[in-house]
Amino acid sequence: MRLYIDIGNSNIHIGKGNGTIEKTYRFKTDQTKSSDEYQSLLGYLFEDVNAVIIASVVPQLNTAFKTFITQYYGITPVFVGPGIKTGVSIKTDYPQQVGADLVAAAAGAVATYHKNSIIIDMGTATTFTYVEKNVIKGVSITIGLDTSKEALVSRTSQLLQFEFEVPKKVLGTNTIEALNSGFLYGHAHQVMGFVEAIKRDYSNSDVAVIVTGGAAQLIKTLLPDDYIMDDLLILRGLVSIYEKNKSTLH
């Protein structure tokens, strides 16, 4: 069995399986936890596990994870980064700056859906990644739904804390409805606008549009039906990347 671990700024998403994702787990990211604390939290997942691959955008936790996985289980985890075969190339100004999560998501898109794709990852930030013929051509980054909500509420003392709920109409008739409409319709139209702009800029409409990330379900019903919703996209990418490298890892 293997563990496929996506360490994000808000959540740690873990898949367990052997060439497929059989079970998934989600934990809050806590940069203050030590390696021993993470071992205590996650140790039960390591039963029958003999390999681990990690995509991390939180460098502060890389050492903690490597330490407890190596010391407690005798496994050297593989981190997505330079020297790892991914199945995708990166053609940007500074390829090393493209996050491991975006690379893994692109690998998952290529392996599962299409060589051409627009990937929207809705987490702490919302990112748009364009992949053409297995090559990452560019990325756009904007504020995520939860992050934008926290920013507004923290600066507006008269606004109540509220939970996101898909609005029934574009304009609300009370404060909570108005907030949900603004955030969710606003984000959905931002996503659709970016997709059309990317297709236009690259003169390519033969793409799979894939939406992933913790906030994706909030706007699912507000997006076109042909958008693919895949909460496991990064984990699928880690499966694909591990399979491409496993012969050199043992």
Protein backbone atom coordinates (compact mmCIF):
# COMPACT_ATOMS: atom_id res chain seq x y z
CA MET A 1 0.00 0.00 0.00
CA ARG A 2 1.04 3.58 -0.62
CA LEU A 3 0.14 6.96 0.79
CA TYR A 4 -0.34 9.89 -1.58
CA ILE A 5 -0.10 13.15 0.41
CA ASP A 6 -1.05 16.65 -0.73
CA ILE A 7 0.14 19.24 1.83
CA GLY A 8 -1.68 22.50 1.16
CA ASN A 9 -1.79 25.76 3.05
CA SER A 10 -5.20 25.01 4.55
CA ASN A 11 -5.56 21.22 4.40
CA ILE A 12 -3.55 18.03 4.16
CA HIS A 13 -5.35 15.66 1.78
CA ILE A 14 -4.21 12.04 1.89
CA GLY A 15 -5.10 9.13 -0.36
CA LYS A 16 -4.32 5.49 0.38
CA GLY A 17 -4.14 2.71 -2.16
CA ASN A 18 -1.98 0.70 -4.51
CA GLY A 19 -1.99 2.38 -7.92
CA THR A 20 -5.47 3.81 -7.27
CA ILE A 21 -7.05 5.95 -4.57
CA GLU A 22 -9.03 3.60 -2.34
CA LYS A 23 -9.59 5.78 0.74
CA THR A 24 -9.10 9.47 1.43
CA TYR A 25 -8.53 11.55 4.55
CA ARG A 26 -8.41 15.30 5.17
CA PHE A 27 -6.73 17.17 8.03
CA LYS A 28 -6.19 20.85 8.84
CA THR A 29 -2.68 22.06 8.07
CA ASP A 30 -0.86 23.15 11.23
CA GLN A 31 2.64 24.50 10.68
CA THR A 32 3.32 24.54 14.44
CA LYS A 33 3.04 20.78 14.86
CA SER A 34 6.25 18.80 15.34
CA SER A 35 7.19 15.60 13.55
CA ASP A 36 6.15 13.57 16.62
CA GLU A 37 2.78 15.32 16.74
CA TYR A 38 2.13 14.53 13.09
CA GLN A 39 3.15 10.93 13.73
CA SER A 40 0.62 10.74 16.56
CA LEU A 41 -2.08 12.24 14.31
CA LEU A 42 -1.39 10.23 11.15
CA GLY A 43 0.31 7.07 12.38
CA TYR A 44 -2.74 4.84 11.97
CA LEU A 45 -2.67 5.48 8.20
CA PHE A 46 0.71 3.77 7.81
CA GLU A 47 -0.47 0.22 8.43
CA ASP A 48 0.72 -1.94 5.50
CA VAL A 49 2.24 1.11 3.77
CA ASN A 50 5.61 0.69 2.05
CA ALA A 51 5.86 3.89 -0.03
CA VAL A 52 4.91 7.55 0.32
CA ILE A 53 4.82 10.36 -2.25
CA ILE A 54 4.18 13.98 -1.27
CA ALA A 55 3.26 17.19 -3.09
CA SER A 56 3.83 20.05 -0.66
CA VAL A 57 3.47 23.82 -0.88
CA VAL A 58 4.36 24.26 2.80
CA PRO A 59 8.16 23.96 3.02
CA GLN A 60 8.06 24.32 6.81
CA LEU A 61 6.34 20.92 7.06
CA ASN A 62 8.56 19.00 4.65
CA THR A 63 11.19 18.26 7.28
CA ALA A 64 8.57 17.26 9.87
CA PHE A 65 6.96 14.76 7.49
CA LYS A 66 10.26 13.38 6.22
CA THR A 67 11.51 12.97 9.78
CA PHE A 68 8.59 11.07 11.25
CA ILE A 69 8.00 8.91 8.17
CA THR A 70 11.66 7.91 8.04
CA GLN A 71 12.20 7.43 11.75
CA TYR A 72 8.99 5.61 12.64
CA TYR A 73 8.35 3.61 9.47
CA GLY A 74 11.70 3.33 7.69
CA ILE A 75 10.25 4.85 4.51
CA THR A 76 11.96 7.63 2.60
CA PRO A 77 9.12 9.76 1.20
CA VAL A 78 9.34 11.00 -2.38
CA PHE A 79 8.66 14.72 -2.81
CA VAL A 80 7.42 16.08 -6.15
CA GLY A 81 10.20 18.36 -7.35
CA PRO A 82 13.26 18.54 -9.59
CA GLY A 83 14.48 15.16 -10.80
CA ILE A 84 11.06 13.49 -10.55
CA LYS A 85 9.36 12.35 -13.76
CA THR A 86 5.83 13.78 -13.85
CA GLY A 87 4.56 13.29 -17.40
CA VAL A 88 4.25 17.05 -17.88
CA SER A 89 6.74 19.73 -18.89
CA ILE A 90 6.81 23.31 -17.61
CA LYS A 91 7.33 26.14 -20.09
CA THR A 92 7.25 29.22 -17.86
CA ASP A 93 9.82 31.90 -17.02
CA TYR A 94 10.81 30.18 -13.78
CA PRO A 95 9.69 26.53 -13.83
CA GLN A 96 11.01 25.94 -10.31
CA GLN A 97 8.42 28.40 -9.00
CA VAL A 98 5.46 26.31 -10.18
CA GLY A 99 4.06 24.65 -7.07
CA ALA A 100 4.19 20.90 -6.58
CA ASP A 101 0.40 20.88 -6.21
CA LEU A 102 -0.07 22.48 -9.63
CA VAL A 103 2.36 20.02 -11.20
CA ALA A 104 0.57 17.08 -9.59
CA ALA A 105 -2.82 18.42 -10.68
CA ALA A 106 -1.54 18.76 -14.26
CA ALA A 107 -0.18 15.22 -14.13
CA GLY A 108 -3.56 14.01 -12.91
CA ALA A 109 -5.36 15.87 -15.69
CA VAL A 110 -3.09 14.45 -18.39
CA ALA A 111 -3.26 10.91 -17.03
CA THR A 112 -7.00 10.90 -16.44
CA TYR A 113 -8.68 13.31 -18.88
CA HIS A 114 -6.92 15.12 -21.71
CA LYS A 115 -3.52 16.35 -22.89
CA ASN A 116 -5.06 19.84 -23.06
CA SER A 117 -6.75 21.21 -19.94
CA ILE A 118 -7.62 24.23 -17.87
CA ILE A 119 -7.36 23.30 -14.20
CA ILE A 120 -9.06 25.42 -11.55
CA ASP A 121 -7.86 24.59 -8.03
CA MET A 122 -10.00 26.26 -5.38
CA GLY A 123 -8.18 26.32 -2.06
CA THR A 124 -6.59 29.08 0.03
CA ALA A 125 -5.98 30.67 -3.36
CA THR A 126 -7.85 29.93 -6.58
CA THR A 127 -5.40 29.01 -9.33
CA PHE A 128 -5.88 28.58 -13.07
CA THR A 129 -3.36 26.35 -14.85
CA TYR A 130 -3.30 25.92 -18.61
CA VAL A 131 -1.88 22.64 -19.94
CA GLU A 132 -1.38 22.18 -23.70
CA LYS A 133 -0.06 18.91 -25.14
CA ASN A 134 1.18 17.86 -21.68
CA VAL A 135 2.98 21.19 -21.15
CA ILE A 136 2.15 23.72 -18.42
CA LYS A 137 2.05 26.99 -20.34
CA GLY A 138 1.02 29.39 -17.60
CA VAL A 139 -0.74 29.97 -14.28
CA SER A 140 -2.96 32.67 -12.81
CA ILE A 141 -3.46 33.06 -9.06
CA THR A 142 -6.25 34.92 -7.28
CA ILE A 143 -7.75 34.97 -3.80
CA GLY A 144 -9.73 31.91 -2.70
CA LEU A 145 -13.33 31.88 -1.51
CA ASP A 146 -12.67 31.26 2.19
CA THR A 147 -9.73 33.66 2.21
CA SER A 148 -11.80 36.45 0.65
CA LYS A 149 -14.64 35.83 3.11
CA GLU A 150 -12.26 36.03 6.07
CA ALA A 151 -10.75 39.25 4.73
CA LEU A 152 -14.14 40.94 4.35
CA VAL A 153 -15.58 39.82 7.68
CA SER A 154 -12.42 40.77 9.58
CA ARG A 155 -12.60 44.34 8.21
CA THR A 156 -16.36 44.84 8.47
CA SER A 157 -17.50 44.70 12.07
CA GLN A 158 -21.22 44.92 11.24
CA LEU A 159 -21.20 41.82 9.05
CA LEU A 160 -22.20 38.64 10.80
CA GLN A 161 -20.15 35.50 10.40
CA PHE A 162 -21.97 33.42 7.82
CA GLU A 163 -21.72 30.01 6.17
CA PHE A 164 -21.62 29.71 2.41
CA GLU A 165 -24.87 28.48 0.88
CA VAL A 166 -25.60 28.35 -2.84
CA PRO A 167 -27.89 31.32 -3.60
CA LYS A 168 -31.24 30.80 -5.27
CA LYS A 169 -30.91 34.01 -7.29
CA VAL A 170 -28.28 36.49 -8.36
CA LEU A 171 -29.38 39.28 -6.02
CA GLY A 172 -30.21 38.75 -2.37
CA THR A 173 -32.93 40.48 -0.34
CA ASN A 174 -31.11 40.29 2.99
CA THR A 175 -27.48 40.55 4.11
CA ILE A 176 -26.73 36.81 4.19
CA GLU A 177 -28.29 36.22 0.76
CA ALA A 178 -26.41 39.21 -0.63
CA LEU A 179 -23.11 37.92 0.72
CA ASN A 180 -23.66 34.43 -0.65
CA SER A 181 -24.70 35.82 -4.00
CA GLY A 182 -21.71 38.13 -4.20
CA PHE A 183 -19.13 35.56 -3.18
CA LEU A 184 -20.46 32.46 -4.95
CA TYR A 185 -21.88 33.98 -8.14
CA GLY A 186 -18.89 36.31 -8.25
CA HIS A 187 -16.41 33.46 -7.99
CA ALA A 188 -18.32 31.29 -10.47
CA HIS A 189 -18.36 34.07 -13.07
CA GLN A 190 -14.69 34.75 -12.42
CA VAL A 191 -13.95 31.08 -13.12
CA MET A 192 -16.00 31.07 -16.33
CA GLY A 193 -14.44 34.34 -17.45
CA PHE A 194 -10.92 33.03 -16.93
CA VAL A 195 -11.73 29.82 -18.83
CA GLU A 196 -13.01 31.75 -21.85
CA ALA A 197 -10.09 34.19 -21.71
CA ILE A 198 -7.55 31.34 -21.64
CA LYS A 199 -9.24 29.58 -24.57
CA ARG A 200 -9.20 32.85 -26.51
CA ASP A 201 -5.61 33.82 -25.67
CA TYR A 202 -4.25 30.39 -26.67
CA SER A 203 -6.69 29.89 -29.59
CA ASN A 204 -7.64 26.49 -28.24
CA SER A 205 -11.13 25.29 -27.40
CA ASP A 206 -10.18 21.59 -27.36
CA VAL A 207 -9.61 21.47 -23.62
CA ALA A 208 -10.97 19.68 -20.59
CA VAL A 209 -12.01 22.14 -17.88
CA ILE A 210 -11.37 20.54 -14.49
CA VAL A 211 -12.33 22.06 -11.14
CA THR A 212 -10.80 20.75 -7.93
CA GLY A 213 -10.07 21.88 -4.38
CA GLY A 214 -12.02 22.18 -1.15
CA ALA A 215 -14.23 25.07 -2.26
CA ALA A 216 -15.17 23.60 -5.65
CA GLN A 217 -18.41 22.02 -4.46
CA LEU A 218 -19.72 25.41 -3.33
CA ILE A 219 -20.03 26.70 -6.89
CA LYS A 220 -20.55 23.39 -8.70
CA THR A 221 -24.18 24.09 -9.56
CA LEU A 222 -23.31 27.58 -10.85
CA LEU A 223 -20.84 26.29 -13.46
CA PRO A 224 -21.46 24.77 -16.90
CA ASP A 225 -22.35 21.08 -16.93
CA ASP A 226 -19.33 20.17 -19.07
CA TYR A 227 -16.88 21.30 -16.38
CA ILE A 228 -15.37 18.25 -14.67
CA MET A 229 -15.49 18.27 -10.86
CA ASP A 230 -12.69 16.14 -9.40
CA ASP A 231 -11.73 16.60 -5.76
CA LEU A 232 -9.08 13.87 -6.11
CA LEU A 233 -7.21 15.39 -9.06
CA ILE A 234 -3.95 16.09 -7.19
CA LEU A 235 -4.01 12.64 -5.58
CA ARG A 236 -4.59 11.06 -9.00
CA GLY A 237 -1.58 13.02 -10.21
CA LEU A 238 0.53 11.65 -7.35
CA VAL A 239 -0.53 8.12 -8.31
CA SER A 240 0.57 8.76 -11.91
CA ILE A 241 3.87 10.36 -10.84
CA TYR A 242 4.71 7.52 -8.47
CA GLU A 243 4.04 4.93 -11.18
CA LYS A 244 6.45 6.77 -13.51
CA ASN A 245 9.22 6.73 -10.90
CA LYS A 246 8.72 3.54 -8.91
CA SER A 247 11.35 1.55 -10.82
CA THR A 248 14.03 3.98 -9.66
CA LEU A 249 12.80 4.29 -6.07
CA HIS A 250 13.56 0.80 -4.79
